[in-house]
């Protein structure tokens, strides 16, 4: 069975049950993204609802997804209504919650509930965790090649880390391709850029943001949320792993991870990306207040390329950094 999900959750359980986890976001943005949005709006989804929600709705309806795990606490509040509309169409829904309080007992209860639903032993889940952690260690190497040796581009870093949310449904193939990529990347000449940037926030829906930043002689050496999808802390316990995963929790948990990474990576400036109509836009207020770096906010709505206004804002921001 293919188990779709709305944001990263303990996929080790799905693999232990012999099923295939599918990140609905990845299918949406790499497929017929605008068609998926149009289809959702045709079904009645409002224009002023996040494109990711509409995209996931259509992916779940129109592709071979058998069940959807909806993260109903620790992600977008619109997920509640997304789950309701999918359930109304006969799609099986499994709710999962990351407690905002980061209460260990509550998270353990959610993980245990999921294990019981999929009828798997905890020992089998841990076995899969060890298998996936082997790949995650290699993704740490890829990340280091990005910010230490400057041999992996910001987009390549984004692509590998964002796909580690489900390992493309085939960890063995993912690892083979990753090994090949790393073997090639280490032979490259280091990139040289005028400015080193961090990209904070959800993965951008803008298709050419990384390309444009490179054209402007800037290198993105930190993809905050994508890195979190790769579970970089490699905790021994699966509960600790998903407590260390910062995305579902508060902006202050994210900042505790962001601040040392910015220093370690010798960042010059920050792009704070947010999606239109998303509550995470409010977090930018706190990010600007608590980071001692120049911060430019970038907003995306529909899938597609950067608009002229955003390009001009980026160019003006770079001029400010120079002078």
Protein backbone atom coordinates (compact mmCIF):
# COMPACT_ATOMS: atom_id res chain seq x y z
CA UNK A 1 0.00 0.00 0.00
CA UNK A 2 1.03 3.59 -0.60
CA UNK A 3 0.66 5.71 2.52
CA UNK A 4 0.52 9.41 1.71
CA UNK A 5 1.38 11.97 4.36
CA UNK A 6 1.13 15.72 4.73
CA UNK A 7 4.48 16.41 6.43
CA UNK A 8 7.32 14.39 7.93
CA UNK A 9 6.30 11.92 10.60
CA UNK A 10 7.74 8.53 11.75
CA UNK A 11 7.99 6.87 8.34
CA UNK A 12 9.95 4.06 10.00
CA UNK A 13 6.58 2.66 11.08
CA UNK A 14 5.25 2.60 7.52
CA UNK A 15 8.36 0.84 6.23
CA UNK A 16 8.22 -1.65 9.11
CA UNK A 17 4.65 -2.49 8.10
CA UNK A 18 5.79 -3.28 4.54
CA UNK A 19 4.11 -0.25 2.97
CA UNK A 20 5.47 2.68 0.92
CA UNK A 21 5.41 6.19 2.43
CA UNK A 22 4.70 8.98 -0.05
CA UNK A 23 5.23 12.65 0.78
CA UNK A 24 2.25 14.28 -0.94
CA UNK A 25 4.12 17.60 -1.10
CA UNK A 26 6.90 16.11 -3.22
CA UNK A 27 4.48 14.49 -5.67
CA UNK A 28 2.60 17.77 -5.98
CA UNK A 29 5.51 20.12 -6.60
CA UNK A 30 7.42 17.80 -8.96
CA UNK A 31 4.35 16.79 -10.95
CA UNK A 32 1.49 18.67 -12.59
CA UNK A 33 1.57 21.30 -9.86
CA UNK A 34 -0.63 23.95 -11.47
CA UNK A 35 -3.05 21.32 -12.76
CA UNK A 36 -3.37 19.90 -9.24
CA UNK A 37 -4.20 23.37 -7.88
CA UNK A 38 -6.73 24.03 -10.63
CA UNK A 39 -8.36 20.68 -9.97
CA UNK A 40 -8.74 21.45 -6.25
CA UNK A 41 -10.25 24.85 -6.98
CA UNK A 42 -12.65 23.24 -9.45
CA UNK A 43 -13.78 20.97 -6.60
CA UNK A 44 -14.47 24.04 -4.47
CA UNK A 45 -11.24 24.86 -2.62
CA UNK A 46 -10.97 28.66 -2.14
CA UNK A 47 -8.44 30.78 -4.02
CA UNK A 48 -6.99 32.15 -0.78
CA UNK A 49 -5.96 28.77 0.65
CA UNK A 50 -2.33 27.65 0.59
CA UNK A 51 -1.33 26.06 -2.71
CA UNK A 52 0.31 23.15 -0.89
CA UNK A 53 -3.01 22.18 0.73
CA UNK A 54 -4.78 22.27 -2.62
CA UNK A 55 -1.97 20.35 -4.26
CA UNK A 56 -1.99 17.60 -1.63
CA UNK A 57 -5.77 17.31 -1.91
CA UNK A 58 -5.57 16.64 -5.64
CA UNK A 59 -2.58 14.31 -5.34
CA UNK A 60 -4.44 12.18 -2.77
CA UNK A 61 -7.56 12.08 -4.96
CA UNK A 62 -5.96 11.62 -8.37
CA UNK A 63 -2.97 9.34 -7.81
CA UNK A 64 -2.64 5.82 -6.40
CA UNK A 65 -2.59 6.76 -2.71
CA UNK A 66 -4.38 4.22 -0.48
CA UNK A 67 -4.30 5.97 2.91
CA UNK A 68 -3.34 9.47 4.11
CA UNK A 69 -1.60 10.23 7.40
CA UNK A 70 -2.52 13.79 8.31
CA UNK A 71 -0.31 15.65 10.77
CA UNK A 72 -3.10 17.53 12.53
CA UNK A 73 -0.94 19.11 15.24
CA UNK A 74 2.50 20.50 14.50
CA UNK A 75 1.79 21.65 10.95
CA UNK A 76 -0.77 23.73 9.05
CA UNK A 77 -4.16 24.09 10.73
CA UNK A 78 -5.74 23.74 7.27
CA UNK A 79 -4.77 20.07 7.44
CA UNK A 80 -7.87 19.47 9.59
CA UNK A 81 -10.16 20.54 6.76
CA UNK A 82 -7.99 18.81 4.17
CA UNK A 83 -8.46 15.55 6.06
CA UNK A 84 -12.22 16.15 6.28
CA UNK A 85 -12.58 16.69 2.53
CA UNK A 86 -10.52 13.58 1.77
CA UNK A 87 -12.49 11.48 4.27
CA UNK A 88 -15.70 12.73 2.68
CA UNK A 89 -14.48 11.22 -0.59
CA UNK A 90 -13.89 7.83 1.00
CA UNK A 91 -10.12 8.06 1.53
CA UNK A 92 -8.92 6.47 4.77
CA UNK A 93 -7.40 9.05 7.11
CA UNK A 94 -4.98 8.45 9.99
CA UNK A 95 -4.34 11.46 12.27
CA UNK A 96 -0.94 12.03 13.87
CA UNK A 97 0.06 14.80 16.27
CA UNK A 98 3.28 16.41 17.41
CA UNK A 99 2.36 17.91 20.81
CA UNK A 100 3.12 21.62 20.84
CA UNK A 101 4.31 21.25 24.43
CA UNK A 102 6.97 18.75 23.25
CA UNK A 103 5.67 16.45 25.97
CA UNK A 104 7.61 13.21 25.65
CA UNK A 105 4.80 11.05 27.01
CA UNK A 106 2.28 12.48 24.57
CA UNK A 107 4.59 11.96 21.60
CA UNK A 108 5.36 8.40 22.71
CA UNK A 109 1.62 7.78 22.89
CA UNK A 110 1.15 9.02 19.31
CA UNK A 111 3.97 6.81 18.02
CA UNK A 112 2.65 3.77 19.88
CA UNK A 113 -0.85 4.42 18.50
CA UNK A 114 0.57 4.49 14.97
CA UNK A 115 2.49 1.25 15.56
CA UNK A 116 -0.70 -0.44 16.74
CA UNK A 117 -2.64 0.85 13.75
CA UNK A 118 -0.10 -0.63 11.35
CA UNK A 119 0.31 -3.75 13.52
CA UNK A 120 4.08 -3.55 13.86
CA UNK A 121 6.37 -4.31 16.78
CA UNK A 122 8.48 -1.48 18.14
CA UNK A 123 11.61 -3.60 17.58
CA UNK A 124 10.84 -3.69 13.83
CA UNK A 125 10.47 0.10 13.82
CA UNK A 126 13.85 0.51 15.50
CA UNK A 127 15.41 -1.83 12.95
CA UNK A 128 14.11 0.42 10.18
CA UNK A 129 15.33 3.50 12.02
CA UNK A 130 18.86 2.07 12.01
CA UNK A 131 18.54 1.32 8.29
CA UNK A 132 17.40 4.86 7.46
CA UNK A 133 19.97 6.42 9.79
CA UNK A 134 22.67 4.83 7.67
CA UNK A 135 21.42 6.94 4.75
CA UNK A 136 20.93 9.99 6.95
CA UNK A 137 24.61 9.89 7.91
CA UNK A 138 25.45 10.17 4.21
CA UNK A 139 23.11 13.15 3.92
CA UNK A 140 25.12 14.82 6.69
CA UNK A 141 28.17 14.29 4.48
CA UNK A 142 26.28 15.88 1.57
CA UNK A 143 25.39 18.84 3.78
CA UNK A 144 29.02 19.26 4.81
CA UNK A 145 30.05 19.20 1.15
CA UNK A 146 27.64 22.12 0.73
CA UNK A 147 28.84 24.45 3.47
CA UNK A 148 32.35 23.23 4.30
CA UNK A 149 33.77 22.38 0.89
CA UNK A 150 31.37 24.33 -1.37
CA UNK A 151 31.09 21.41 -3.78
CA UNK A 152 27.32 20.87 -3.63
CA UNK A 153 24.94 23.60 -4.78
CA UNK A 154 22.11 24.94 -2.67
CA UNK A 155 19.56 23.39 -5.03
CA UNK A 156 21.24 19.99 -4.95
CA UNK A 157 21.32 20.19 -1.16
CA UNK A 158 17.61 21.11 -1.16
CA UNK A 159 16.67 18.30 -3.53
CA UNK A 160 18.39 15.50 -1.64
CA UNK A 161 17.31 16.65 1.80
CA UNK A 162 13.69 17.31 0.87
CA UNK A 163 13.39 13.86 -0.70
CA UNK A 164 14.67 12.26 2.50
CA UNK A 165 11.20 12.85 3.93
CA UNK A 166 10.18 9.55 2.29
CA UNK A 167 13.39 8.42 0.50
CA UNK A 168 11.29 8.38 -2.67
CA UNK A 169 9.59 5.24 -1.37
CA UNK A 170 12.71 3.13 -2.02
CA UNK A 171 15.59 3.61 0.46
CA UNK A 172 17.87 1.16 -1.35
CA UNK A 173 17.58 3.01 -4.65
CA UNK A 174 17.85 6.37 -2.88
CA UNK A 175 21.09 5.27 -1.21
CA UNK A 176 22.57 3.93 -4.46
CA UNK A 177 21.92 7.20 -6.25
CA UNK A 178 23.17 9.20 -3.26
CA UNK A 179 26.43 7.21 -3.23
CA UNK A 180 26.91 7.95 -6.93
CA UNK A 181 26.21 11.64 -6.40
CA UNK A 182 28.63 11.93 -3.48
CA UNK A 183 31.37 10.14 -5.46
CA UNK A 184 30.99 12.70 -8.23
CA UNK A 185 30.58 15.73 -5.97
CA UNK A 186 33.82 15.23 -4.04
CA UNK A 187 35.81 15.56 -7.28
CA UNK A 188 34.42 19.01 -8.09
CA UNK A 189 36.21 22.30 -7.77
CA UNK A 190 34.85 24.41 -4.88
CA UNK A 191 32.29 27.05 -5.81
CA UNK A 192 33.07 30.70 -5.20
CA UNK A 193 30.32 33.16 -4.32
CA UNK A 194 30.12 36.75 -3.16
CA UNK A 195 27.61 36.00 -0.39
CA UNK A 196 26.65 32.93 1.63
CA UNK A 197 22.94 32.68 2.37
CA UNK A 198 20.67 30.66 4.64
CA UNK A 199 17.17 29.78 3.47
CA UNK A 200 14.80 29.56 6.43
CA UNK A 201 11.23 28.31 6.30
CA UNK A 202 9.36 25.70 4.32
CA UNK A 203 10.80 24.49 1.00
CA UNK A 204 9.98 27.14 -1.61
CA UNK A 205 7.28 26.67 -4.22
CA UNK A 206 9.28 29.06 -6.45
CA UNK A 207 10.99 26.89 -9.04
CA UNK A 208 14.01 29.04 -9.92
CA UNK A 209 14.92 30.67 -6.59
CA UNK A 210 18.19 28.74 -6.20
CA UNK A 211 19.11 29.29 -9.85
CA UNK A 212 18.50 33.03 -9.55
CA UNK A 213 20.55 33.32 -6.37
CA UNK A 214 23.47 31.62 -8.13
CA UNK A 215 23.09 34.02 -11.05
CA UNK A 216 23.44 36.81 -8.47
CA UNK A 217 26.70 35.20 -7.27
CA UNK A 218 25.14 33.95 -4.03
CA UNK A 219 25.39 30.47 -2.57
CA UNK A 220 22.67 28.98 -0.34
CA UNK A 221 24.55 26.84 2.17
CA UNK A 222 21.78 26.18 4.67
CA UNK A 223 18.30 24.83 3.91
CA UNK A 224 16.72 24.87 7.33
CA UNK A 225 13.52 22.79 7.07
CA UNK A 226 14.84 20.47 4.37
CA UNK A 227 17.72 19.58 6.71
CA UNK A 228 15.19 18.85 9.44
CA UNK A 229 13.44 16.38 7.14
CA UNK A 230 16.69 14.39 7.04
CA UNK A 231 16.65 13.97 10.86
CA UNK A 232 20.26 15.16 11.20
CA UNK A 233 20.60 14.65 14.96
CA UNK A 234 20.66 10.83 14.65
CA UNK A 235 19.17 10.23 18.08
CA UNK A 236 19.33 6.66 19.37
CA UNK A 237 15.66 6.63 20.39
CA UNK A 238 12.90 7.24 17.87
CA UNK A 239 11.00 9.39 20.37
CA UNK A 240 14.08 11.57 20.88
CA UNK A 241 14.48 11.74 17.11
CA UNK A 242 11.04 13.28 16.64
CA UNK A 243 11.48 15.55 19.64
CA UNK A 244 14.72 16.87 18.08
CA UNK A 245 12.89 17.46 14.79
CA UNK A 246 12.20 21.20 15.10
CA UNK A 247 9.66 21.92 12.35
CA UNK A 248 6.48 20.84 14.22
CA UNK A 249 7.28 22.84 17.33
CA UNK A 250 7.65 26.53 18.17
CA UNK A 251 9.70 29.16 16.39
CA UNK A 252 11.95 29.20 19.46
CA UNK A 253 12.77 25.51 18.98
CA UNK A 254 13.63 26.31 15.39
CA UNK A 255 15.80 29.26 16.44
CA UNK A 256 17.74 27.05 18.87
CA UNK A 257 18.72 24.98 15.84
CA UNK A 258 19.12 27.87 13.40
CA UNK A 259 21.45 30.12 15.38
CA UNK A 260 24.43 27.74 15.77
CA UNK A 261 24.03 26.59 12.15
CA UNK A 262 24.24 30.16 10.84
CA UNK A 263 27.45 30.74 12.77
CA UNK A 264 28.96 27.40 11.79
CA UNK A 265 28.24 28.01 8.11
CA UNK A 266 29.63 31.58 8.02
CA UNK A 267 26.37 33.04 6.78
CA UNK A 268 26.29 36.59 5.41
CA UNK A 269 22.52 36.99 5.17
CA UNK A 270 19.21 35.18 5.46
CA UNK A 271 16.28 34.58 3.13
CA UNK A 272 13.18 33.91 5.23
CA UNK A 273 10.75 32.15 2.90
CA UNK A 274 7.05 31.74 3.62
CA UNK A 275 4.03 30.59 1.68
CA UNK A 276 1.11 32.90 0.96
CA UNK A 277 -1.78 32.52 3.41
CA UNK A 278 0.44 30.56 5.84
CA UNK A 279 0.52 31.22 9.59
CA UNK A 280 4.31 30.75 9.49
CA UNK A 281 4.57 34.21 7.91
CA UNK A 282 4.08 35.58 11.42
CA UNK A 283 7.22 33.77 12.61
CA UNK A 284 9.30 36.08 10.42
CA UNK A 285 8.67 38.84 12.97
CA UNK A 286 10.44 36.77 15.63
CA UNK A 287 13.17 35.59 13.26
CA UNK A 288 14.11 39.19 12.44
CA UNK A 289 14.08 40.12 16.10
CA UNK A 290 16.28 37.25 17.29
CA UNK A 291 18.81 36.92 14.46
CA UNK A 292 21.75 39.28 14.19
CA UNK A 293 21.89 38.97 10.41
CA UNK A 294 20.36 40.89 7.51
CA UNK A 295 17.04 39.19 6.70
CA UNK A 296 15.01 39.42 3.49
CA UNK A 297 11.52 37.93 3.47
CA UNK A 298 10.42 36.16 0.30
CA UNK A 299 6.86 34.98 -0.28
CA UNK A 300 5.61 32.38 -2.73
CA UNK A 301 2.07 31.61 -3.83
CA UNK A 302 1.61 29.54 -6.99
CA UNK A 303 4.24 27.15 -8.41
CA UNK A 304 6.40 28.97 -10.92
CA UNK A 305 9.33 31.28 -11.42
CA UNK A 306 10.31 34.39 -9.50
CA UNK A 307 8.31 37.46 -10.43
CA UNK A 308 10.04 40.70 -11.43
CA UNK A 309 9.17 42.43 -8.15
CA UNK A 310 10.84 39.74 -6.03
CA UNK A 311 13.90 39.74 -8.27
CA UNK A 312 14.18 43.50 -7.81
CA UNK A 313 13.85 43.15 -4.04
CA UNK A 314 16.64 40.55 -3.99
CA UNK A 315 18.89 42.74 -6.14
CA UNK A 316 18.26 45.74 -3.87
CA UNK A 317 19.00 43.62 -0.80
CA UNK A 318 22.32 42.51 -2.32
CA UNK A 319 23.20 46.13 -3.05
CA UNK A 320 22.53 46.92 0.59
CA UNK A 321 24.87 44.10 1.66
CA UNK A 322 27.62 45.47 -0.56
CA UNK A 323 27.37 49.06 0.64
